[in-house]
């Protein structure tokens, strides 16, 4: 719960930044569950790989949920 509050505070701080700076900033949650503020233009190879794997994993789950809902709707 405490890490969630800390993450929410970090997102709020990012949202208060000027627009151009805000577009380049993000929070990357590492394998320990710790949220770190990053500059998207300056992330390293390892961070980039982790981020892409995480996004693909989320997309696969979203696609699976979408297809299951579509199947259920067609079955009805």
PDB file of N, CA and C in Angstrom:
ATOM      1  N   UNK A   1       0.828  -1.195   0.000  1.00  0.00           N
ATOM      2  CA  UNK A   1       0.000   0.000   0.000  1.00  0.00           C
ATOM      3  C   UNK A   1       0.872   1.258   0.000  1.00  0.00           C
ATOM      4  N   UNK A   2       1.958   1.218   0.765  1.00  0.00           N
ATOM      5  CA  UNK A   2       2.840   2.374   0.849  1.00  0.00           C
ATOM      6  C   UNK A   2       3.521   2.645  -0.499  1.00  0.00           C
ATOM      7  N   UNK A   3       3.910   1.580  -1.210  1.00  0.00           N
ATOM      8  CA  UNK A   3       4.558   1.770  -2.513  1.00  0.00           C
ATOM      9  C   UNK A   3       3.573   2.361  -3.518  1.00  0.00           C
ATOM     10  N   UNK A   4       2.296   1.996  -3.400  1.00  0.00           N
ATOM     11  CA  UNK A   4       1.268   2.553  -4.285  1.00  0.00           C
ATOM     12  C   UNK A   4       1.124   4.052  -4.047  1.00  0.00           C
ATOM     13  N   UNK A   5       1.134   4.477  -2.790  1.00  0.00           N
ATOM     14  CA  UNK A   5       1.046   5.898  -2.462  1.00  0.00           C
ATOM     15  C   UNK A   5       2.262   6.655  -2.985  1.00  0.00           C
ATOM     16  N   UNK A   6       3.427   6.053  -2.838  1.00  0.00           N
ATOM     17  CA  UNK A   6       4.651   6.681  -3.327  1.00  0.00           C
ATOM     18  C   UNK A   6       4.609   6.818  -4.854  1.00  0.00           C
ATOM     19  N   UNK A   7       4.123   5.789  -5.525  1.00  0.00           N
ATOM     20  CA  UNK A   7       3.999   5.832  -6.982  1.00  0.00           C
ATOM     21  C   UNK A   7       3.009   6.916  -7.413  1.00  0.00           C
ATOM     22  N   UNK A   8       1.900   7.041  -6.694  1.00  0.00           N
ATOM     23  CA  UNK A   8       0.908   8.071  -7.011  1.00  0.00           C
ATOM     24  C   UNK A   8       1.498   9.466  -6.833  1.00  0.00           C
ATOM     25  N   UNK A   9       2.307   9.642  -5.808  1.00  0.00           N
ATOM     26  CA  UNK A   9       2.957  10.943  -5.589  1.00  0.00           C
ATOM     27  C   UNK A   9       3.942  11.264  -6.714  1.00  0.00           C
ATOM     28  N   UNK A  10       4.677  10.250  -7.168  1.00  0.00           N
ATOM     29  CA  UNK A  10       5.621  10.464  -8.266  1.00  0.00           C
ATOM     30  C   UNK A  10       4.890  10.840  -9.549  1.00  0.00           C
ATOM     31  N   UNK A  11       3.752  10.159  -9.840  1.00  0.00           N
ATOM     32  CA  UNK A  11       2.971  10.503 -11.032  1.00  0.00           C
ATOM     33  C   UNK A  11       2.426  11.921 -10.925  1.00  0.00           C
ATOM     34  N   UNK A  12       1.989  12.312  -9.737  1.00  0.00           N
ATOM     35  CA  UNK A  12       1.474  13.673  -9.542  1.00  0.00           C
ATOM     36  C   UNK A  12       2.576  14.698  -9.784  1.00  0.00           C
ATOM     37  N   UNK A  13       3.782  14.405  -9.344  1.00  0.00           N
ATOM     38  CA  UNK A  13       4.901  15.321  -9.571  1.00  0.00           C
ATOM     39  C   UNK A  13       5.222  15.429 -11.055  1.00  0.00           C
ATOM     40  N   UNK A  14       5.162  14.331 -11.775  1.00  0.00           N
ATOM     41  CA  UNK A  14       5.413  14.346 -13.218  1.00  0.00           C
ATOM     42  C   UNK A  14       4.338  15.157 -13.936  1.00  0.00           C
ATOM     43  N   UNK A  15       3.100  15.046 -13.505  1.00  0.00           N
ATOM     44  CA  UNK A  15       2.003  15.768 -14.155  1.00  0.00           C
ATOM     45  C   UNK A  15       2.120  17.278 -13.979  1.00  0.00           C
ATOM     46  N   UNK A  16       2.830  17.728 -12.966  1.00  0.00           N
ATOM     47  CA  UNK A  16       3.011  19.166 -12.742  1.00  0.00           C
ATOM     48  C   UNK A  16       4.160  19.765 -13.550  1.00  0.00           C
ATOM     49  N   UNK A  17       4.919  18.922 -14.231  1.00  0.00           N
ATOM     50  CA  UNK A  17       6.046  19.408 -15.032  1.00  0.00           C
ATOM     51  C   UNK A  17       5.542  20.117 -16.286  1.00  0.00           C
ATOM     52  N   UNK A  18       6.379  20.968 -16.889  1.00  0.00           N
ATOM     53  CA  UNK A  18       6.006  21.576 -18.173  1.00  0.00           C
ATOM     54  C   UNK A  18       5.767  20.482 -19.223  1.00  0.00           C
ATOM     55  N   UNK A  19       4.965  20.785 -20.223  1.00  0.00           N
ATOM     56  CA  UNK A  19       4.505  19.786 -21.186  1.00  0.00           C
ATOM     57  C   UNK A  19       5.637  19.008 -21.852  1.00  0.00           C
ATOM     58  N   UNK A  20       6.634  19.679 -22.379  1.00  0.00           N
ATOM     59  CA  UNK A  20       7.715  18.993 -23.097  1.00  0.00           C
ATOM     60  C   UNK A  20       8.468  18.048 -22.158  1.00  0.00           C
ATOM     61  N   UNK A  21       8.761  18.505 -20.972  1.00  0.00           N
ATOM     62  CA  UNK A  21       9.460  17.670 -19.991  1.00  0.00           C
ATOM     63  C   UNK A  21       8.582  16.497 -19.576  1.00  0.00           C
ATOM     64  N   UNK A  22       7.292  16.741 -19.406  1.00  0.00           N
ATOM     65  CA  UNK A  22       6.360  15.698 -18.985  1.00  0.00           C
ATOM     66  C   UNK A  22       6.270  14.582 -20.026  1.00  0.00           C
ATOM     67  N   UNK A  23       6.347  14.944 -21.303  1.00  0.00           N
ATOM     68  CA  UNK A  23       6.273  13.938 -22.358  1.00  0.00           C
ATOM     69  C   UNK A  23       7.477  13.011 -22.349  1.00  0.00           C
ATOM     70  N   UNK A  24       8.598  13.487 -21.847  1.00  0.00           N
ATOM     71  CA  UNK A  24       9.826  12.692 -21.843  1.00  0.00           C
ATOM     72  C   UNK A  24      10.028  11.914 -20.555  1.00  0.00           C
ATOM     73  N   UNK A  25       9.192  12.109 -19.573  1.00  0.00           N
ATOM     74  CA  UNK A  25       9.342  11.446 -18.279  1.00  0.00           C
ATOM     75  C   UNK A  25       8.335  10.317 -18.138  1.00  0.00           C
ATOM     76  N   UNK A  26       8.695   9.357 -17.326  1.00  0.00           N
ATOM     77  CA  UNK A  26       7.798   8.254 -17.037  1.00  0.00           C
ATOM     78  C   UNK A  26       8.274   7.524 -15.801  1.00  0.00           C
ATOM     79  N   UNK A  27       7.457   6.621 -15.326  1.00  0.00           N
ATOM     80  CA  UNK A  27       7.825   5.776 -14.199  1.00  0.00           C
ATOM     81  C   UNK A  27       8.029   4.364 -14.712  1.00  0.00           C
ATOM     82  N   UNK A  28       9.159   3.799 -14.392  1.00  0.00           N
ATOM     83  CA  UNK A  28       9.465   2.426 -14.765  1.00  0.00           C
ATOM     84  C   UNK A  28       9.536   1.615 -13.483  1.00  0.00           C
ATOM     85  N   UNK A  29       8.692   0.617 -13.387  1.00  0.00           N
ATOM     86  CA  UNK A  29       8.664  -0.235 -12.201  1.00  0.00           C
ATOM     87  C   UNK A  29       9.611  -1.396 -12.447  1.00  0.00           C
ATOM     88  N   UNK A  30      10.630  -1.512 -11.618  1.00  0.00           N
ATOM     89  CA  UNK A  30      11.628  -2.559 -11.813  1.00  0.00           C
ATOM     90  C   UNK A  30      11.158  -3.892 -11.246  1.00  0.00           C
ATOM     91  N   UNK A  31      11.997  -4.905 -11.327  1.00  0.00           N
ATOM     92  CA  UNK A  31      11.616  -6.253 -10.910  1.00  0.00           C
ATOM     93  C   UNK A  31      11.327  -6.354  -9.409  1.00  0.00           C
ATOM     94  N   UNK A  32      11.862  -5.430  -8.613  1.00  0.00           N
ATOM     95  CA  UNK A  32      11.575  -5.434  -7.169  1.00  0.00           C
ATOM     96  C   UNK A  32      10.286  -4.703  -6.833  1.00  0.00           C
ATOM     97  N   UNK A  33       9.614  -4.121  -7.836  1.00  0.00           N
ATOM     98  CA  UNK A  33       8.380  -3.396  -7.608  1.00  0.00           C
ATOM     99  C   UNK A  33       8.594  -1.941  -7.247  1.00  0.00           C
ATOM    100  N   UNK A  34       9.806  -1.460  -7.400  1.00  0.00           N
ATOM    101  CA  UNK A  34      10.151  -0.085  -7.058  1.00  0.00           C
ATOM    102  C   UNK A  34       9.962   0.801  -8.289  1.00  0.00           C
ATOM    103  N   UNK A  35       9.242   1.914  -8.142  1.00  0.00           N
ATOM    104  CA  UNK A  35       8.992   2.835  -9.249  1.00  0.00           C
ATOM    105  C   UNK A  35      10.093   3.876  -9.315  1.00  0.00           C
ATOM    106  N   UNK A  36      10.728   3.968 -10.481  1.00  0.00           N
ATOM    107  CA  UNK A  36      11.798   4.943 -10.695  1.00  0.00           C
ATOM    108  C   UNK A  36      11.394   5.885 -11.811  1.00  0.00           C
ATOM    109  N   UNK A  37      11.633   7.183 -11.591  1.00  0.00           N
ATOM    110  CA  UNK A  37      11.367   8.168 -12.637  1.00  0.00           C
ATOM    111  C   UNK A  37      12.491   8.099 -13.653  1.00  0.00           C
ATOM    112  N   UNK A  38      12.128   8.050 -14.936  1.00  0.00           N
ATOM    113  CA  UNK A  38      13.134   7.941 -15.987  1.00  0.00           C
ATOM    114  C   UNK A  38      12.884   8.975 -17.070  1.00  0.00           C
ATOM    115  N   UNK A  39      13.928   9.308 -17.790  1.00  0.00           N
ATOM    116  CA  UNK A  39      13.829  10.117 -18.999  1.00  0.00           C
ATOM    117  C   UNK A  39      13.795   9.114 -20.147  1.00  0.00           C
ATOM    118  N   UNK A  40      12.716   9.069 -20.876  1.00  0.00           N
ATOM    119  CA  UNK A  40      12.495   8.057 -21.900  1.00  0.00           C
ATOM    120  C   UNK A  40      13.582   8.104 -22.972  1.00  0.00           C
ATOM    121  N   UNK A  41      14.112   9.281 -23.257  1.00  0.00           N
ATOM    122  CA  UNK A  41      15.148   9.415 -24.281  1.00  0.00           C
ATOM    123  C   UNK A  41      16.506   8.899 -23.810  1.00  0.00           C
ATOM    124  N   UNK A  42      16.662   8.690 -22.519  1.00  0.00           N
ATOM    125  CA  UNK A  42      17.975   8.313 -21.986  1.00  0.00           C
ATOM    126  C   UNK A  42      17.986   6.957 -21.286  1.00  0.00           C
ATOM    127  N   UNK A  43      17.017   6.090 -21.568  1.00  0.00           N
ATOM    128  CA  UNK A  43      17.021   4.790 -20.898  1.00  0.00           C
ATOM    129  C   UNK A  43      18.047   3.880 -21.560  1.00  0.00           C
ATOM    130  N   UNK A  44      18.612   3.006 -20.775  1.00  0.00           N
ATOM    131  CA  UNK A  44      19.629   2.086 -21.258  1.00  0.00           C
ATOM    132  C   UNK A  44      19.019   0.888 -21.963  1.00  0.00           C
ATOM    133  N   UNK A  45      19.878   0.059 -22.512  1.00  0.00           N
ATOM    134  CA  UNK A  45      19.437  -1.110 -23.259  1.00  0.00           C
ATOM    135  C   UNK A  45      18.650  -2.076 -22.378  1.00  0.00           C
ATOM    136  N   UNK A  46      19.134  -2.320 -21.177  1.00  0.00           N
ATOM    137  CA  UNK A  46      18.469  -3.250 -20.262  1.00  0.00           C
ATOM    138  C   UNK A  46      17.078  -2.731 -19.881  1.00  0.00           C
ATOM    139  N   UNK A  47      16.971  -1.448 -19.562  1.00  0.00           N
ATOM    140  CA  UNK A  47      15.680  -0.862 -19.202  1.00  0.00           C
ATOM    141  C   UNK A  47      14.723  -0.902 -20.387  1.00  0.00           C
ATOM    142  N   UNK A  48      15.247  -0.624 -21.581  1.00  0.00           N
ATOM    143  CA  UNK A  48      14.433  -0.645 -22.790  1.00  0.00           C
ATOM    144  C   UNK A  48      13.882  -2.044 -23.049  1.00  0.00           C
ATOM    145  N   UNK A  49      14.736  -3.053 -22.882  1.00  0.00           N
ATOM    146  CA  UNK A  49      14.318  -4.452 -23.087  1.00  0.00           C
ATOM    147  C   UNK A  49      13.237  -4.833 -22.071  1.00  0.00           C
ATOM    148  N   UNK A  50      13.439  -4.464 -20.800  1.00  0.00           N
ATOM    149  CA  UNK A  50      12.463  -4.779 -19.751  1.00  0.00           C
ATOM    150  C   UNK A  50      11.122  -4.111 -20.048  1.00  0.00           C
ATOM    151  N   UNK A  51      11.168  -2.854 -20.474  1.00  0.00           N
ATOM    152  CA  UNK A  51       9.946  -2.122 -20.773  1.00  0.00           C
ATOM    153  C   UNK A  51       9.189  -2.759 -21.933  1.00  0.00           C
ATOM    154  N   UNK A  52       9.898  -3.120 -22.996  1.00  0.00           N
ATOM    155  CA  UNK A  52       9.253  -3.751 -24.147  1.00  0.00           C
ATOM    156  C   UNK A  52       8.650  -5.108 -23.787  1.00  0.00           C
ATOM    157  N   UNK A  53       9.370  -5.910 -23.013  1.00  0.00           N
ATOM    158  CA  UNK A  53       8.835  -7.203 -22.588  1.00  0.00           C
ATOM    159  C   UNK A  53       7.571  -7.022 -21.760  1.00  0.00           C
ATOM    160  N   UNK A  54       7.583  -6.037 -20.885  1.00  0.00           N
ATOM    161  CA  UNK A  54       6.416  -5.773 -20.043  1.00  0.00           C
ATOM    162  C   UNK A  54       5.219  -5.322 -20.883  1.00  0.00           C
ATOM    163  N   UNK A  55       5.452  -4.452 -21.865  1.00  0.00           N
ATOM    164  CA  UNK A  55       4.372  -3.974 -22.727  1.00  0.00           C
ATOM    165  C   UNK A  55       3.802  -5.094 -23.584  1.00  0.00           C
ATOM    166  N   UNK A  56       4.666  -5.957 -24.106  1.00  0.00           N
ATOM    167  CA  UNK A  56       4.201  -7.079 -24.927  1.00  0.00           C
ATOM    168  C   UNK A  56       3.393  -8.046 -24.077  1.00  0.00           C
ATOM    169  N   UNK A  57       3.855  -8.305 -22.872  1.00  0.00           N
ATOM    170  CA  UNK A  57       3.132  -9.213 -21.972  1.00  0.00           C
ATOM    171  C   UNK A  57       1.739  -8.659 -21.677  1.00  0.00           C
ATOM    172  N   UNK A  58       1.633  -7.357 -21.440  1.00  0.00           N
ATOM    173  CA  UNK A  58       0.344  -6.728 -21.162  1.00  0.00           C
ATOM    174  C   UNK A  58      -0.538  -6.795 -22.403  1.00  0.00           C
ATOM    175  N   UNK A  59       0.036  -6.548 -23.576  1.00  0.00           N
ATOM    176  CA  UNK A  59      -0.731  -6.598 -24.824  1.00  0.00           C
ATOM    177  C   UNK A  59      -1.256  -8.000 -25.082  1.00  0.00           C
ATOM    178  N   UNK A  60      -0.450  -9.028 -24.803  1.00  0.00           N
ATOM    179  CA  UNK A  60      -0.906 -10.407 -24.985  1.00  0.00           C
ATOM    180  C   UNK A  60      -2.088 -10.711 -24.079  1.00  0.00           C
ATOM    181  N   UNK A  61      -2.023 -10.282 -22.832  1.00  0.00           N
ATOM    182  CA  UNK A  61      -3.124 -10.518 -21.894  1.00  0.00           C
ATOM    183  C   UNK A  61      -4.369  -9.760 -22.342  1.00  0.00           C
ATOM    184  N   UNK A  62      -4.195  -8.517 -22.810  1.00  0.00           N
ATOM    185  CA  UNK A  62      -5.326  -7.729 -23.285  1.00  0.00           C
ATOM    186  C   UNK A  62      -5.969  -8.376 -24.505  1.00  0.00           C
ATOM    187  N   UNK A  63      -5.143  -8.846 -25.433  1.00  0.00           N
ATOM    188  CA  UNK A  63      -5.676  -9.507 -26.621  1.00  0.00           C
ATOM    189  C   UNK A  63      -6.424 -10.775 -26.260  1.00  0.00           C
ATOM    190  N   UNK A  64      -5.872 -11.536 -25.318  1.00  0.00           N
ATOM    191  CA  UNK A  64      -6.538 -12.762 -24.899  1.00  0.00           C
ATOM    192  C   UNK A  64      -7.891 -12.450 -24.259  1.00  0.00           C
ATOM    193  N   UNK A  65      -7.937 -11.443 -23.394  1.00  0.00           N
ATOM    194  CA  UNK A  65      -9.204 -11.056 -22.764  1.00  0.00           C
ATOM    195  C   UNK A  65     -10.208 -10.587 -23.811  1.00  0.00           C
ATOM    196  N   UNK A  66      -9.746  -9.800 -24.770  1.00  0.00           N
ATOM    197  CA  UNK A  66     -10.619  -9.308 -25.824  1.00  0.00           C
ATOM    198  C   UNK A  66     -11.200 -10.477 -26.620  1.00  0.00           C
ATOM    199  N   UNK A  67     -10.356 -11.418 -27.009  1.00  0.00           N
ATOM    200  CA  UNK A  67     -10.826 -12.549 -27.802  1.00  0.00           C
ATOM    201  C   UNK A  67     -11.781 -13.442 -27.009  1.00  0.00           C
ATOM    202  N   UNK A  68     -11.524 -13.606 -25.716  1.00  0.00           N
ATOM    203  CA  UNK A  68     -12.437 -14.401 -24.886  1.00  0.00           C
ATOM    204  C   UNK A  68     -13.799 -13.728 -24.758  1.00  0.00           C
ATOM    205  N   UNK A  69     -13.804 -12.412 -24.594  1.00  0.00           N
ATOM    206  CA  UNK A  69     -15.077 -11.678 -24.521  1.00  0.00           C
ATOM    207  C   UNK A  69     -15.820 -11.749 -25.843  1.00  0.00           C
ATOM    208  N   UNK A  70     -15.078 -11.653 -26.949  1.00  0.00           N
ATOM    209  CA  UNK A  70     -15.693 -11.752 -28.272  1.00  0.00           C
ATOM    210  C   UNK A  70     -16.281 -13.139 -28.479  1.00  0.00           C
ATOM    211  N   UNK A  71     -15.557 -14.169 -28.081  1.00  0.00           N
ATOM    212  CA  UNK A  71     -16.052 -15.544 -28.195  1.00  0.00           C
ATOM    213  C   UNK A  71     -17.333 -15.729 -27.375  1.00  0.00           C
ATOM    214  N   UNK A  72     -17.335 -15.223 -26.140  1.00  0.00           N
ATOM    215  CA  UNK A  72     -18.527 -15.336 -25.287  1.00  0.00           C
ATOM    216  C   UNK A  72     -19.711 -14.625 -25.919  1.00  0.00           C
ATOM    217  N   UNK A  73     -19.458 -13.472 -26.500  1.00  0.00           N
ATOM    218  CA  UNK A  73     -20.545 -12.704 -27.143  1.00  0.00           C
ATOM    219  C   UNK A  73     -21.091 -13.444 -28.353  1.00  0.00           C
ATOM    220  N   UNK A  74     -20.209 -14.027 -29.143  1.00  0.00           N
ATOM    221  CA  UNK A  74     -20.652 -14.789 -30.318  1.00  0.00           C
ATOM    222  C   UNK A  74     -21.438 -16.019 -29.888  1.00  0.00           C
ATOM    223  N   UNK A  75     -20.967 -16.679 -28.822  1.00  0.00           N
ATOM    224  CA  UNK A  75     -21.667 -17.859 -28.305  1.00  0.00           C
ATOM    225  C   UNK A  75     -23.074 -17.518 -27.818  1.00  0.00           C
ATOM    226  N   UNK A  76     -23.239 -16.338 -27.249  1.00  0.00           N
ATOM    227  CA  UNK A  76     -24.564 -15.921 -26.776  1.00  0.00           C
ATOM    228  C   UNK A  76     -25.476 -15.698 -27.948  1.00  0.00           C
TER     229      UNK A  76
END
